C-alpha atoms as a PDB file:
ATOM      1  CA  MET A   1      81.780 -55.774  72.031  1.00  0.00           C
ATOM      2  CA  GLU A   2      78.949 -57.635  73.767  1.00  0.00           C
ATOM      3  CA  LEU A   3      75.855 -55.615  74.583  1.00  0.00           C
ATOM      4  CA  ILE A   4      76.047 -54.217  78.129  1.00  0.00           C
ATOM      5  CA  ILE A   5      72.448 -54.687  79.239  1.00  0.00           C
ATOM      6  CA  GLY A   6      70.757 -55.473  82.529  1.00  0.00           C
ATOM      7  CA  SER A   7      68.111 -54.328  84.942  1.00  0.00           C
ATOM      8  CA  HIS A   8      67.302 -53.233  88.420  1.00  0.00           C
ATOM      9  CA  VAL A   9      67.726 -56.198  90.814  1.00  0.00           C
ATOM     10  CA  SER A  10      67.162 -56.688  94.535  1.00  0.00           C
ATOM     11  CA  PHE A  11      69.781 -56.416  97.301  1.00  0.00           C
ATOM     12  CA  THR A  12      68.595 -58.161 100.460  1.00  0.00           C
ATOM     13  CA  LYS A  13      69.878 -58.422 104.008  1.00  0.00           C
ATOM     14  CA  ASP A  14      70.642 -62.141 103.728  1.00  0.00           C
ATOM     15  CA  THR A  15      72.251 -62.494 100.281  1.00  0.00           C
ATOM     16  CA  GLN A  16      73.390 -58.911  99.538  1.00  0.00           C
ATOM     17  CA  LEU A  17      75.526 -58.499  96.387  1.00  0.00           C
ATOM     18  CA  LEU A  18      75.638 -62.262  95.824  1.00  0.00           C
ATOM     19  CA  GLY A  19      71.851 -62.372  95.544  1.00  0.00           C
ATOM     20  CA  SER A  20      71.930 -59.414  93.164  1.00  0.00           C
ATOM     21  CA  VAL A  21      74.387 -61.231  90.876  1.00  0.00           C
ATOM     22  CA  VAL A  22      72.353 -64.460  90.919  1.00  0.00           C
ATOM     23  CA  GLU A  23      69.194 -62.534  89.991  1.00  0.00           C
ATOM     24  CA  ALA A  24      70.993 -60.658  87.186  1.00  0.00           C
ATOM     25  CA  LEU A  25      72.367 -63.914  85.768  1.00  0.00           C
ATOM     26  CA  GLY A  26      68.810 -65.290  85.749  1.00  0.00           C
ATOM     27  CA  TYR A  27      67.896 -62.506  83.329  1.00  0.00           C
ATOM     28  CA  LYS A  28      71.022 -63.186  81.189  1.00  0.00           C
ATOM     29  CA  SER A  29      72.330 -59.730  82.062  1.00  0.00           C
ATOM     30  CA  THR A  30      75.806 -58.307  81.532  1.00  0.00           C
ATOM     31  CA  ALA A  31      75.090 -55.357  83.872  1.00  0.00           C
ATOM     32  CA  PHE A  32      72.761 -54.593  86.792  1.00  0.00           C
ATOM     33  CA  MET A  33      71.701 -51.908  89.268  1.00  0.00           C
ATOM     34  CA  PHE A  34      70.445 -52.057  92.859  1.00  0.00           C
ATOM     35  CA  TYR A  35      69.700 -50.006  95.955  1.00  0.00           C
ATOM     36  CA  THR A  36      71.763 -50.904  99.024  1.00  0.00           C
ATOM     37  CA  GLY A  37      68.570 -50.568 101.093  1.00  0.00           C
ATOM     38  CA  ALA A  38      65.014 -49.300 100.755  1.00  0.00           C
ATOM     39  CA  PRO A  39      65.150 -46.066  98.702  1.00  0.00           C
ATOM     40  CA  GLN A  40      62.696 -44.252 100.962  1.00  0.00           C
ATOM     41  CA  ASN A  41      64.392 -44.774 104.336  1.00  0.00           C
ATOM     42  CA  THR A  42      67.790 -44.831 106.083  1.00  0.00           C
ATOM     43  CA  LEU A  43      67.748 -48.479 107.214  1.00  0.00           C
ATOM     44  CA  ARG A  44      70.906 -50.173 105.966  1.00  0.00           C
ATOM     45  CA  VAL A  45      72.503 -53.534 106.816  1.00  0.00           C
ATOM     46  CA  LYS A  46      76.217 -53.959 107.376  1.00  0.00           C
ATOM     47  CA  ILE A  47      78.002 -54.989 104.185  1.00  0.00           C
ATOM     48  CA  ASP A  48      79.137 -58.634 104.423  1.00  0.00           C
ATOM     49  CA  SER A  49      82.617 -58.771 102.877  1.00  0.00           C
ATOM     50  CA  GLU A  50      82.424 -62.567 102.493  1.00  0.00           C
ATOM     51  CA  LYS A  51      79.219 -62.289 100.446  1.00  0.00           C
ATOM     52  CA  THR A  52      80.806 -59.486  98.431  1.00  0.00           C
ATOM     53  CA  ASN A  53      83.841 -61.629  97.609  1.00  0.00           C
ATOM     54  CA  GLU A  54      81.605 -64.552  96.581  1.00  0.00           C
ATOM     55  CA  ALA A  55      79.622 -62.179  94.367  1.00  0.00           C
ATOM     56  CA  LEU A  56      82.743 -60.785  92.700  1.00  0.00           C
ATOM     57  CA  LYS A  57      83.984 -64.325  92.018  1.00  0.00           C
ATOM     58  CA  LEU A  58      80.631 -65.307  90.472  1.00  0.00           C
ATOM     59  CA  MET A  59      80.650 -62.157  88.343  1.00  0.00           C
ATOM     60  CA  LYS A  60      84.132 -62.922  87.061  1.00  0.00           C
ATOM     61  CA  GLU A  61      83.116 -66.500  86.188  1.00  0.00           C
ATOM     62  CA  ASN A  62      80.163 -65.133  84.201  1.00  0.00           C
ATOM     63  CA  TYR A  63      81.922 -62.195  82.544  1.00  0.00           C
ATOM     64  CA  ILE A  64      80.069 -59.406  84.343  1.00  0.00           C
ATOM     65  CA  ASP A  65      82.505 -56.526  84.730  1.00  0.00           C
ATOM     66  CA  ILE A  66      82.224 -54.623  88.034  1.00  0.00           C
ATOM     67  CA  LYS A  67      82.398 -51.374  86.069  1.00  0.00           C
ATOM     68  CA  ASN A  68      78.993 -52.276  84.583  1.00  0.00           C
ATOM     69  CA  VAL A  69      77.367 -52.528  88.013  1.00  0.00           C
ATOM     70  CA  VAL A  70      75.490 -49.479  89.291  1.00  0.00           C
ATOM     71  CA  VAL A  71      74.062 -48.428  92.654  1.00  0.00           C
ATOM     72  CA  HIS A  72      71.058 -46.101  92.790  1.00  0.00           C
ATOM     73  CA  ALA A  73      71.172 -43.632  95.671  1.00  0.00           C
ATOM     74  CA  PRO A  74      68.027 -43.477  97.842  1.00  0.00           C
ATOM     75  CA  TYR A  75      65.234 -41.013  97.024  1.00  0.00           C
ATOM     76  CA  ILE A  76      65.296 -39.519 100.490  1.00  0.00           C
ATOM     77  CA  ILE A  77      68.480 -37.655  99.617  1.00  0.00           C
ATOM     78  CA  ASN A  78      67.333 -34.298  98.223  1.00  0.00           C
ATOM     79  CA  LEU A  79      70.418 -32.167  97.737  1.00  0.00           C
ATOM     80  CA  ALA A  80      68.352 -29.248  96.398  1.00  0.00           C
ATOM     81  CA  ASN A  81      66.639 -28.778  99.787  1.00  0.00           C
ATOM     82  CA  ILE A  82      68.863 -26.581 101.988  1.00  0.00           C
ATOM     83  CA  ASN A  83      66.800 -27.485 105.091  1.00  0.00           C
ATOM     84  CA  ASN A  84      68.168 -31.054 104.980  1.00  0.00           C
ATOM     85  CA  PHE A  85      71.766 -30.108 104.128  1.00  0.00           C
ATOM     86  CA  ASP A  86      73.483 -31.881 107.041  1.00  0.00           C
ATOM     87  CA  PHE A  87      71.412 -35.054 106.673  1.00  0.00           C
ATOM     88  CA  ASN A  88      71.960 -35.151 102.893  1.00  0.00           C
ATOM     89  CA  VAL A  89      75.733 -34.807 103.177  1.00  0.00           C
ATOM     90  CA  ARG A  90      76.029 -37.340 106.006  1.00  0.00           C
ATOM     91  CA  PHE A  91      73.801 -39.975 104.422  1.00  0.00           C
ATOM     92  CA  LEU A  92      75.325 -39.580 100.947  1.00  0.00           C
ATOM     93  CA  ARG A  93      78.796 -39.951 102.471  1.00  0.00           C
ATOM     94  CA  GLU A  94      77.649 -43.147 104.219  1.00  0.00           C
ATOM     95  CA  GLU A  95      76.232 -44.435 100.933  1.00  0.00           C
ATOM     96  CA  ILE A  96      79.487 -43.652  99.112  1.00  0.00           C
ATOM     97  CA  SER A  97      81.399 -45.627 101.749  1.00  0.00           C
ATOM     98  CA  ARG A  98      79.075 -48.627 101.333  1.00  0.00           C
ATOM     99  CA  VAL A  99      79.344 -48.512  97.554  1.00  0.00           C
ATOM    100  CA  GLU A 100      83.136 -48.307  97.719  1.00  0.00           C
ATOM    101  CA  SER A 101      83.220 -51.369 100.000  1.00  0.00           C
ATOM    102  CA  LEU A 102      81.278 -53.281  97.305  1.00  0.00           C
ATOM    103  CA  GLY A 103      83.765 -52.257  94.613  1.00  0.00           C
ATOM    104  CA  VAL A 104      81.104 -50.415  92.590  1.00  0.00           C
ATOM    105  CA  LYS A 105      81.958 -47.061  91.030  1.00  0.00           C
ATOM    106  CA  ASN A 106      78.817 -45.468  89.548  1.00  0.00           C
ATOM    107  CA  ILE A 107      76.132 -44.096  91.890  1.00  0.00           C
ATOM    108  CA  VAL A 108      73.001 -42.769  90.177  1.00  0.00           C
ATOM    109  CA  LEU A 109      71.468 -39.834  92.024  1.00  0.00           C
ATOM    110  CA  HIS A 110      68.301 -37.811  91.431  1.00  0.00           C
ATOM    111  CA  PRO A 111      69.556 -34.204  91.527  1.00  0.00           C
ATOM    112  CA  GLY A 112      66.702 -33.155  93.814  1.00  0.00           C
ATOM    113  CA  SER A 113      63.627 -30.919  94.026  1.00  0.00           C
ATOM    114  CA  HIS A 114      63.914 -27.262  95.019  1.00  0.00           C
ATOM    115  CA  VAL A 115      60.569 -27.431  96.950  1.00  0.00           C
ATOM    116  CA  GLY A 116      59.762 -23.770  96.286  1.00  0.00           C
ATOM    117  CA  ALA A 117      63.232 -22.270  96.649  1.00  0.00           C
ATOM    118  CA  GLY A 118      63.472 -21.726  92.887  1.00  0.00           C
ATOM    119  CA  VAL A 119      65.631 -23.313  90.184  1.00  0.00           C
ATOM    120  CA  GLU A 120      68.699 -21.135  90.749  1.00  0.00           C
ATOM    121  CA  ASN A 121      68.745 -21.657  94.531  1.00  0.00           C
ATOM    122  CA  GLY A 122      68.049 -25.382  94.133  1.00  0.00           C
ATOM    123  CA  ILE A 123      70.973 -25.812  91.761  1.00  0.00           C
ATOM    124  CA  LYS A 124      73.242 -23.849  94.114  1.00  0.00           C
ATOM    125  CA  ASN A 125      72.186 -26.115  96.998  1.00  0.00           C
ATOM    126  CA  ILE A 126      73.000 -29.242  94.941  1.00  0.00           C
ATOM    127  CA  ILE A 127      76.426 -27.857  94.038  1.00  0.00           C
ATOM    128  CA  ASP A 128      77.204 -26.907  97.655  1.00  0.00           C
ATOM    129  CA  ALA A 129      76.092 -30.312  98.952  1.00  0.00           C
ATOM    130  CA  LEU A 130      78.145 -32.239  96.389  1.00  0.00           C
ATOM    131  CA  ASN A 131      81.235 -30.081  96.932  1.00  0.00           C
ATOM    132  CA  THR A 132      80.918 -30.685 100.683  1.00  0.00           C
ATOM    133  CA  THR A 133      80.333 -34.434 100.245  1.00  0.00           C
ATOM    134  CA  LEU A 134      82.850 -35.434  97.601  1.00  0.00           C
ATOM    135  CA  LYS A 135      86.459 -36.070  98.599  1.00  0.00           C
ATOM    136  CA  ARG A 136      89.461 -36.518  96.337  1.00  0.00           C
ATOM    137  CA  GLU A 137      90.037 -40.017  97.741  1.00  0.00           C
ATOM    138  CA  ASN A 138      86.512 -41.188  96.814  1.00  0.00           C
ATOM    139  CA  ASN A 139      86.641 -43.905  94.149  1.00  0.00           C
ATOM    140  CA  ILE A 140      83.114 -43.293  92.834  1.00  0.00           C
ATOM    141  CA  VAL A 141      81.243 -41.178  90.301  1.00  0.00           C
ATOM    142  CA  ILE A 142      77.940 -39.510  91.225  1.00  0.00           C
ATOM    143  CA  CYS A 143      75.799 -39.833  88.076  1.00  0.00           C
ATOM    144  CA  LEU A 144      73.153 -37.103  88.002  1.00  0.00           C
ATOM    145  CA  GLU A 145      69.987 -38.519  86.492  1.00  0.00           C
ATOM    146  CA  THR A 146      68.030 -36.666  83.822  1.00  0.00           C
ATOM    147  CA  MET A 147      64.562 -36.082  85.264  1.00  0.00           C
ATOM    148  CA  ALA A 148      61.039 -35.714  83.854  1.00  0.00           C
ATOM    149  CA  GLY A 149      60.450 -32.300  85.457  1.00  0.00           C
ATOM    150  CA  LYS A 150      57.647 -33.439  87.758  1.00  0.00           C
ATOM    151  CA  GLY A 151      56.790 -30.816  90.401  1.00  0.00           C
ATOM    152  CA  THR A 152      59.925 -28.879  91.335  1.00  0.00           C
ATOM    153  CA  GLU A 153      62.390 -31.539  90.118  1.00  0.00           C
ATOM    154  CA  LEU A 154      65.744 -30.302  88.852  1.00  0.00           C
ATOM    155  CA  GLY A 155      67.765 -31.951  86.101  1.00  0.00           C
ATOM    156  CA  ARG A 156      64.816 -31.746  83.700  1.00  0.00           C
ATOM    157  CA  ASN A 157      67.035 -30.549  80.846  1.00  0.00           C
ATOM    158  CA  PHE A 158      70.699 -30.587  79.842  1.00  0.00           C
ATOM    159  CA  ASP A 159      71.135 -26.913  80.799  1.00  0.00           C
ATOM    160  CA  GLU A 160      70.279 -27.639  84.434  1.00  0.00           C
ATOM    161  CA  ILE A 161      72.598 -30.680  84.523  1.00  0.00           C
ATOM    162  CA  LYS A 162      75.359 -28.576  82.929  1.00  0.00           C
ATOM    163  CA  SER A 163      74.868 -25.824  85.550  1.00  0.00           C
ATOM    164  CA  ILE A 164      75.370 -28.376  88.335  1.00  0.00           C
ATOM    165  CA  ILE A 165      78.466 -29.946  86.779  1.00  0.00           C
ATOM    166  CA  ASP A 166      79.961 -26.511  86.073  1.00  0.00           C
ATOM    167  CA  GLY A 167      79.871 -25.779  89.810  1.00  0.00           C
ATOM    168  CA  ILE A 168      81.468 -29.045  90.962  1.00  0.00           C
ATOM    169  CA  GLU A 169      85.099 -28.782  92.050  1.00  0.00           C
ATOM    170  CA  LEU A 170      86.037 -32.471  91.612  1.00  0.00           C
ATOM    171  CA  LYS A 171      84.639 -32.947  88.106  1.00  0.00           C
ATOM    172  CA  ASP A 172      86.067 -36.464  87.781  1.00  0.00           C
ATOM    173  CA  LYS A 173      83.639 -37.485  90.560  1.00  0.00           C
ATOM    174  CA  VAL A 174      80.475 -36.521  88.631  1.00  0.00           C
ATOM    175  CA  GLY A 175      78.753 -37.914  85.557  1.00  0.00           C
ATOM    176  CA  VAL A 176      75.287 -38.251  84.050  1.00  0.00           C
ATOM    177  CA  CYS A 177      72.675 -41.012  83.857  1.00  0.00           C
ATOM    178  CA  MET A 178      70.235 -40.547  80.963  1.00  0.00           C
ATOM    179  CA  ASP A 179      66.765 -41.998  81.518  1.00  0.00           C
ATOM    180  CA  THR A 180      64.787 -42.510  78.309  1.00  0.00           C
ATOM    181  CA  CYS A 181      61.359 -42.250  79.976  1.00  0.00           C
ATOM    182  CA  HIS A 182      62.400 -39.081  81.789  1.00  0.00           C
ATOM    183  CA  LEU A 183      63.835 -37.547  78.608  1.00  0.00           C
ATOM    184  CA  ASN A 184      60.592 -38.255  76.750  1.00  0.00           C
ATOM    185  CA  ASP A 185      58.443 -36.884  79.553  1.00  0.00           C
ATOM    186  CA  ALA A 186      60.690 -33.808  79.804  1.00  0.00           C
ATOM    187  CA  GLY A 187      60.061 -33.033  76.126  1.00  0.00           C
ATOM    188  CA  TYR A 188      62.978 -34.632  74.245  1.00  0.00           C
ATOM    189  CA  ASP A 189      62.025 -36.414  70.996  1.00  0.00           C
ATOM    190  CA  LEU A 190      63.763 -39.795  71.248  1.00  0.00           C
ATOM    191  CA  SER A 191      62.952 -40.630  67.617  1.00  0.00           C
ATOM    192  CA  ASP A 192      65.723 -38.125  66.808  1.00  0.00           C
ATOM    193  CA  PHE A 193      68.282 -39.404  69.304  1.00  0.00           C
ATOM    194  CA  ASP A 194      71.283 -38.241  67.257  1.00  0.00           C
ATOM    195  CA  SER A 195      70.173 -34.644  67.814  1.00  0.00           C
ATOM    196  CA  ILE A 196      69.756 -35.320  71.540  1.00  0.00           C
ATOM    197  CA  LEU A 197      73.263 -36.762  71.772  1.00  0.00           C
ATOM    198  CA  ASP A 198      74.676 -33.823  69.791  1.00  0.00           C
ATOM    199  CA  GLU A 199      73.031 -31.370  72.187  1.00  0.00           C
ATOM    200  CA  PHE A 200      74.286 -33.344  75.190  1.00  0.00           C
ATOM    201  CA  ASP A 201      77.824 -33.425  73.781  1.00  0.00           C
ATOM    202  CA  LYS A 202      77.803 -29.710  73.019  1.00  0.00           C
ATOM    203  CA  LYS A 203      76.406 -28.630  76.403  1.00  0.00           C
ATOM    204  CA  ILE A 204      77.875 -31.233  78.781  1.00  0.00           C
ATOM    205  CA  GLY A 205      80.220 -33.605  76.914  1.00  0.00           C
ATOM    206  CA  LEU A 206      79.753 -37.289  76.110  1.00  0.00           C
ATOM    207  CA  LYS A 207      82.641 -38.163  78.450  1.00  0.00           C
ATOM    208  CA  TYR A 208      80.236 -37.436  81.338  1.00  0.00           C
ATOM    209  CA  LEU A 209      77.627 -39.976  80.179  1.00  0.00           C
ATOM    210  CA  LYS A 210      78.132 -43.058  82.401  1.00  0.00           C
ATOM    211  CA  VAL A 211      74.781 -44.922  82.627  1.00  0.00           C
ATOM    212  CA  ILE A 212      71.561 -45.136  80.607  1.00  0.00           C
ATOM    213  CA  HIS A 213      68.210 -46.163  82.072  1.00  0.00           C
ATOM    214  CA  ILE A 214      66.168 -47.820  79.324  1.00  0.00           C
ATOM    215  CA  ASN A 215      62.451 -47.389  79.918  1.00  0.00           C
ATOM    216  CA  ASP A 216      59.447 -46.859  77.702  1.00  0.00           C
ATOM    217  CA  SER A 217      56.912 -44.246  78.875  1.00  0.00           C
ATOM    218  CA  LYS A 218      53.217 -44.387  79.667  1.00  0.00           C
ATOM    219  CA  ASN A 219      53.005 -40.714  78.682  1.00  0.00           C
ATOM    220  CA  ILE A 220      53.230 -38.732  75.489  1.00  0.00           C
ATOM    221  CA  ILE A 221      56.241 -36.454  75.045  1.00  0.00           C
ATOM    222  CA  GLY A 222      56.506 -33.419  77.326  1.00  0.00           C
ATOM    223  CA  THR A 223      53.937 -34.385  79.975  1.00  0.00           C
ATOM    224  CA  HIS A 224      56.430 -34.167  82.905  1.00  0.00           C
ATOM    225  CA  LYS A 225      54.827 -37.164  84.641  1.00  0.00           C
ATOM    226  CA  ASP A 226      57.537 -39.876  84.932  1.00  0.00           C
ATOM    227  CA  ARG A 227      55.653 -43.165  84.552  1.00  0.00           C
ATOM    228  CA  HIS A 228      57.715 -46.031  83.163  1.00  0.00           C
ATOM    229  CA  GLU A 229      56.284 -48.573  80.728  1.00  0.00           C
ATOM    230  CA  ASN A 230      57.511 -51.949  79.480  1.00  0.00           C
ATOM    231  CA  ILE A 231      59.777 -51.940  76.436  1.00  0.00           C
ATOM    232  CA  GLY A 232      57.905 -51.324  73.185  1.00  0.00           C
ATOM    233  CA  ILE A 233      54.511 -50.867  74.817  1.00  0.00           C
ATOM    234  CA  GLY A 234      54.743 -47.147  75.602  1.00  0.00           C
ATOM    235  CA  SER A 235      54.860 -43.909  73.645  1.00  0.00           C
ATOM    236  CA  ILE A 236      58.606 -44.072  72.868  1.00  0.00           C
ATOM    237  CA  GLY A 237      58.304 -47.387  71.050  1.00  0.00           C
ATOM    238  CA  PHE A 238      60.523 -50.402  70.469  1.00  0.00           C
ATOM    239  CA  GLN A 239      62.536 -49.198  67.475  1.00  0.00           C
ATOM    240  CA  ALA A 240      63.471 -45.853  69.037  1.00  0.00           C
ATOM    241  CA  LEU A 241      64.725 -47.671  72.159  1.00  0.00           C
ATOM    242  CA  ILE A 242      66.653 -50.234  70.078  1.00  0.00           C
ATOM    243  CA  ASN A 243      68.330 -47.370  68.192  1.00  0.00           C
ATOM    244  CA  ILE A 244      69.471 -45.916  71.522  1.00  0.00           C
ATOM    245  CA  ILE A 245      70.605 -49.241  73.017  1.00  0.00           C
ATOM    246  CA  TYR A 246      72.711 -50.121  69.960  1.00  0.00           C
ATOM    247  CA  HIS A 247      73.971 -46.594  69.217  1.00  0.00           C
ATOM    248  CA  ASP A 248      77.653 -46.575  68.200  1.00  0.00           C
ATOM    249  CA  LYS A 249      78.496 -43.760  70.629  1.00  0.00           C
ATOM    250  CA  LEU A 250      77.053 -45.663  73.606  1.00  0.00           C
ATOM    251  CA  LYS A 251      78.744 -49.052  73.203  1.00  0.00           C
ATOM    252  CA  GLY A 252      80.716 -49.061  76.455  1.00  0.00           C
ATOM    253  CA  ILE A 253      77.920 -47.666  78.622  1.00  0.00           C
ATOM    254  CA  PRO A 254      75.720 -49.949  80.786  1.00  0.00           C
ATOM    255  CA  LYS A 255      72.027 -49.892  79.844  1.00  0.00           C
ATOM    256  CA  ILE A 256      69.701 -50.629  82.754  1.00  0.00           C
ATOM    257  CA  LEU A 257      65.999 -51.522  82.544  1.00  0.00           C
ATOM    258  CA  GLU A 258      63.671 -50.149  85.237  1.00  0.00           C
ATOM    259  CA  THR A 259      60.428 -51.198  83.583  1.00  0.00           C
ATOM    260  CA  PRO A 260      57.399 -52.094  85.745  1.00  0.00           C
ATOM    261  CA  TYR A 261      56.651 -55.582  87.022  1.00  0.00           C
ATOM    262  CA  VAL A 262      53.686 -57.275  85.334  1.00  0.00           C
ATOM    263  CA  GLU A 263      51.326 -58.616  88.020  1.00  0.00           C
ATOM    264  CA  LYS A 264      54.280 -59.046  90.396  1.00  0.00           C
ATOM    265  CA  HIS A 265      56.383 -60.798  87.694  1.00  0.00           C
ATOM    266  CA  ALA A 266      59.777 -59.307  86.756  1.00  0.00           C
ATOM    267  CA  PRO A 267      59.785 -58.533  83.007  1.00  0.00           C
ATOM    268  CA  TYR A 268      63.539 -58.318  82.561  1.00  0.00           C
ATOM    269  CA  LYS A 269      64.432 -61.759  81.200  1.00  0.00           C
ATOM    270  CA  GLN A 270      61.851 -61.445  78.407  1.00  0.00           C
ATOM    271  CA  GLU A 271      62.673 -57.806  77.676  1.00  0.00           C
ATOM    272  CA  ILE A 272      66.422 -58.437  77.504  1.00  0.00           C
ATOM    273  CA  GLU A 273      65.858 -61.398  75.179  1.00  0.00           C
ATOM    274  CA  MET A 274      63.685 -59.200  72.967  1.00  0.00           C
ATOM    275  CA  ILE A 275      66.365 -56.467  72.930  1.00  0.00           C
ATOM    276  CA  ARG A 276      69.072 -58.987  71.998  1.00  0.00           C
ATOM    277  CA  ASN A 277      66.890 -60.273  69.142  1.00  0.00           C
ATOM    278  CA  LYS A 278      66.115 -56.679  68.064  1.00  0.00           C
ATOM    279  CA  THR A 279      62.555 -57.855  67.400  1.00  0.00           C
ATOM    280  CA  PHE A 280      59.469 -56.818  69.367  1.00  0.00           C
ATOM    281  CA  ASN A 281      57.700 -59.752  71.014  1.00  0.00           C
ATOM    282  CA  ASN A 282      53.972 -59.316  70.411  1.00  0.00           C
ATOM    283  CA  HIS A 283      53.326 -61.799  73.232  1.00  0.00           C
ATOM    284  CA  LEU A 284      55.621 -60.041  75.738  1.00  0.00           C
ATOM    285  CA  ILE A 285      53.057 -59.706  78.537  1.00  0.00           C
ATOM    286  CA  GLU A 286      51.832 -63.298  78.155  1.00  0.00           C
ATOM    287  CA  ASP A 287      55.418 -64.569  78.190  1.00  0.00           C
ATOM    288  CA  ILE A 288      56.220 -62.594  81.342  1.00  0.00           C
ATOM    289  CA  LEU A 289      53.178 -64.089  83.077  1.00  0.00           C
ATOM    290  CA  LYS A 290      54.058 -67.701  82.153  1.00  0.00           C
END
């Protein structure tokens, strides 16, 4: 099976999904992820079905399977905050509708921050919001992202993710997105990834794992800071990330890079090439800046 690897790409008003596919192909990707609009606001353009059809045709010609395409939900949705319940449900429903019209299935969502309400109340709010939002006819999966535990963030460990999933009525509509930087910053030792997977399987179940964000970290383990670093340059290290990317139990799961731009240059083409070669490029930054 070919490696399912890609990165975050743009989705613009003019080119929409077609532009996203073209960008992903430029990085030699077999998967990609995008926001349908700016993550920090509600401005969204109407989905152009003609552009979508062109994009799907181009994907088929280049062997990118739609099931390996991911949408990231906007940050402004905070399901853990009861004060924004109506907005969260309405806007997430709108986002689900947009994603369905694009033919994409997996939507990555930050579980939310309890903003002082406490972990238990925050988790209850997330469960209530998802149970209100999700409908049996929805053809999507909300992938709860593992978080670094910054501030009052929820989803900082597998127990919190499990508590959310346990409360969801339509369990076929929820999954998990692991983020390697977030796991590291939350205190998980990625040099022993087999143990992490075993814990995940025992507490949640590997069938729920749908997407993996591949990022190195600027921080040492357990700092709860959430600052991504380019592959092999951070505290996780190249070999630990390669072991995750090529793990036998993760073969069919899309791996998505969200590493930082280098002086406004996207690093993804060079990082994906390095990952395919399984050899760290000591001149990575220079090559990105060429």
